[in-house]
């Protein structure tokens, strides 16, 4: 998952929040 569709801004978010965001996206 080196090339993520998310902007570099999300990459600055901590791993915890990033995982939470990914979980929400998977629910959608």
C-alpha atoms as a PDB file:
ATOM      1  CA  UNK A   1       0.000   0.000   0.000  1.00  0.00           C
ATOM      2  CA  UNK A   2       2.747   2.456  -0.892  1.00  0.00           C
ATOM      3  CA  UNK A   3       0.599   4.397  -3.353  1.00  0.00           C
ATOM      4  CA  UNK A   4      -2.466   5.452  -1.370  1.00  0.00           C
ATOM      5  CA  UNK A   5      -5.330   7.436  -2.944  1.00  0.00           C
ATOM      6  CA  UNK A   6      -5.288   9.694   0.119  1.00  0.00           C
ATOM      7  CA  UNK A   7      -3.533  13.080   0.071  1.00  0.00           C
ATOM      8  CA  UNK A   8      -0.241  13.520   2.010  1.00  0.00           C
ATOM      9  CA  UNK A   9      -2.222  15.299   4.724  1.00  0.00           C
ATOM     10  CA  UNK A  10      -3.706  12.021   5.951  1.00  0.00           C
ATOM     11  CA  UNK A  11      -0.230  10.476   5.981  1.00  0.00           C
ATOM     12  CA  UNK A  12       0.671  12.943   8.727  1.00  0.00           C
ATOM     13  CA  UNK A  13      -2.125  11.576  10.885  1.00  0.00           C
ATOM     14  CA  UNK A  14      -1.110   9.037  13.501  1.00  0.00           C
ATOM     15  CA  UNK A  15      -1.412   5.349  12.648  1.00  0.00           C
ATOM     16  CA  UNK A  16      -4.341   5.025  15.054  1.00  0.00           C
ATOM     17  CA  UNK A  17      -6.433   7.638  13.278  1.00  0.00           C
ATOM     18  CA  UNK A  18      -5.353   6.308   9.898  1.00  0.00           C
ATOM     19  CA  UNK A  19      -6.575   2.825  10.827  1.00  0.00           C
ATOM     20  CA  UNK A  20      -9.849   4.276  12.106  1.00  0.00           C
ATOM     21  CA  UNK A  21     -10.361   6.182   8.860  1.00  0.00           C
ATOM     22  CA  UNK A  22      -9.638   3.045   6.822  1.00  0.00           C
ATOM     23  CA  UNK A  23     -12.170   1.122   8.925  1.00  0.00           C
ATOM     24  CA  UNK A  24     -14.859   3.733   8.288  1.00  0.00           C
ATOM     25  CA  UNK A  25     -14.124   3.729   4.557  1.00  0.00           C
ATOM     26  CA  UNK A  26     -14.481  -0.070   4.492  1.00  0.00           C
ATOM     27  CA  UNK A  27     -17.893   0.253   6.137  1.00  0.00           C
ATOM     28  CA  UNK A  28     -19.128   2.672   3.487  1.00  0.00           C
END
